[in-house]
Amino acid sequence: MCIGVPVRVISVSEDGLTARVLSRGEEQQINLMMLEETASINDYLLVQVGGFAVEKIEPEQAQKALALIAAIEEGDYHRAAELY
């Protein structure tokens, strides 16, 4: 089982193989080679360990996952359970 983290695309390389993304307030570069569809600016992607995007996800789904991660990090397990 792999854990993915939602990120938002802020730029895509000319060759479409990598992208700069915002992940929890920090920029990072990810690899798009495992993604089946084309990524565009403002898309949300699910990124797994190693920096590989594996799936495009809906913004609502990304926001819910990010809220769940934040609740767990803050130790608010009651809120995390409600979000899950």
Protein backbone atom coordinates (compact mmCIF):
# COMPACT_ATOMS: atom_id res chain seq x y z
CA MET A 1 0.00 0.00 0.00
CA CYS A 2 1.32 3.44 -0.91
CA ILE A 3 0.27 6.72 0.63
CA GLY A 4 -0.29 9.68 -1.66
CA VAL A 5 -0.39 13.37 -0.84
CA PRO A 6 -2.49 15.88 -2.82
CA VAL A 7 -0.55 18.70 -4.51
CA ARG A 8 -1.53 21.60 -6.78
CA VAL A 9 0.33 22.13 -10.06
CA ILE A 10 1.88 25.60 -10.48
CA SER A 11 3.89 24.92 -13.66
CA VAL A 12 4.55 22.11 -16.12
CA SER A 13 7.82 21.59 -17.98
CA GLU A 14 7.82 22.07 -21.75
CA ASP A 15 8.23 18.33 -22.32
CA GLY A 16 5.38 17.55 -19.90
CA LEU A 17 7.46 15.10 -17.88
CA THR A 18 7.83 17.14 -14.69
CA ALA A 19 5.90 19.80 -12.83
CA ARG A 20 6.41 22.30 -10.01
CA VAL A 21 3.74 21.86 -7.36
CA LEU A 22 2.65 23.31 -4.05
CA SER A 23 2.57 20.72 -1.33
CA ARG A 24 1.39 21.96 2.06
CA GLY A 25 2.85 25.42 1.44
CA GLU A 26 6.14 24.28 -0.06
CA GLU A 27 7.21 24.07 -3.69
CA GLN A 28 8.67 20.87 -5.06
CA GLN A 29 9.33 19.27 -8.41
CA ILE A 30 7.56 16.03 -9.25
CA ASN A 31 7.68 13.46 -12.02
CA LEU A 32 4.63 13.08 -14.29
CA MET A 33 5.74 9.97 -16.20
CA MET A 34 3.31 7.65 -14.36
CA LEU A 35 0.33 9.95 -14.90
CA GLU A 36 -2.05 8.68 -17.58
CA GLU A 37 -3.42 12.11 -18.49
CA THR A 38 -1.87 15.51 -19.12
CA ALA A 39 -1.36 17.76 -16.10
CA SER A 40 -2.19 21.47 -16.30
CA ILE A 41 -1.68 24.45 -14.02
CA ASN A 42 -4.06 24.36 -11.02
CA ASP A 43 -4.77 20.64 -11.39
CA TYR A 44 -4.60 18.60 -8.20
CA LEU A 45 -2.52 15.45 -8.36
CA LEU A 46 -1.94 12.59 -5.97
CA VAL A 47 1.82 12.16 -5.46
CA GLN A 48 3.40 9.10 -3.91
CA VAL A 49 6.75 8.57 -2.23
CA GLY A 50 9.57 9.35 -4.62
CA GLY A 51 7.76 12.33 -6.13
CA PHE A 52 5.73 10.48 -8.76
CA ALA A 53 2.25 11.75 -9.65
CA VAL A 54 -0.08 8.79 -10.08
CA GLU A 55 -3.54 10.29 -10.42
CA LYS A 56 -5.38 13.53 -11.14
CA ILE A 57 -7.99 14.25 -8.46
CA GLU A 58 -10.89 16.66 -8.04
CA PRO A 59 -10.19 19.85 -6.04
CA GLU A 60 -12.85 18.91 -3.45
CA GLN A 61 -11.23 15.52 -2.89
CA ALA A 62 -7.80 17.17 -2.53
CA GLN A 63 -9.07 19.73 -0.02
CA LYS A 64 -10.74 17.04 2.08
CA ALA A 65 -7.55 14.95 2.14
CA LEU A 66 -5.44 17.99 3.06
CA ALA A 67 -7.85 18.86 5.88
CA LEU A 68 -7.61 15.28 7.16
CA ILE A 69 -3.80 15.38 7.11
CA ALA A 70 -3.82 18.72 8.95
CA ALA A 71 -6.20 17.38 11.63
CA ILE A 72 -3.98 14.35 12.24
CA GLU A 73 -0.85 16.51 12.43
CA GLU A 74 -2.57 18.79 14.95
CA GLY A 75 -3.63 15.81 17.05
CA ASP A 76 -7.32 16.57 16.50
CA TYR A 77 -8.38 12.97 16.05
CA HIS A 78 -12.07 13.73 16.58
CA ARG A 79 -12.06 16.12 13.60
CA ALA A 80 -9.94 13.62 11.61
CA ALA A 81 -12.53 10.91 12.25
CA GLU A 82 -15.31 13.21 11.05
CA LEU A 83 -13.37 14.05 7.89
CA TYR A 84 -12.58 10.41 7.18
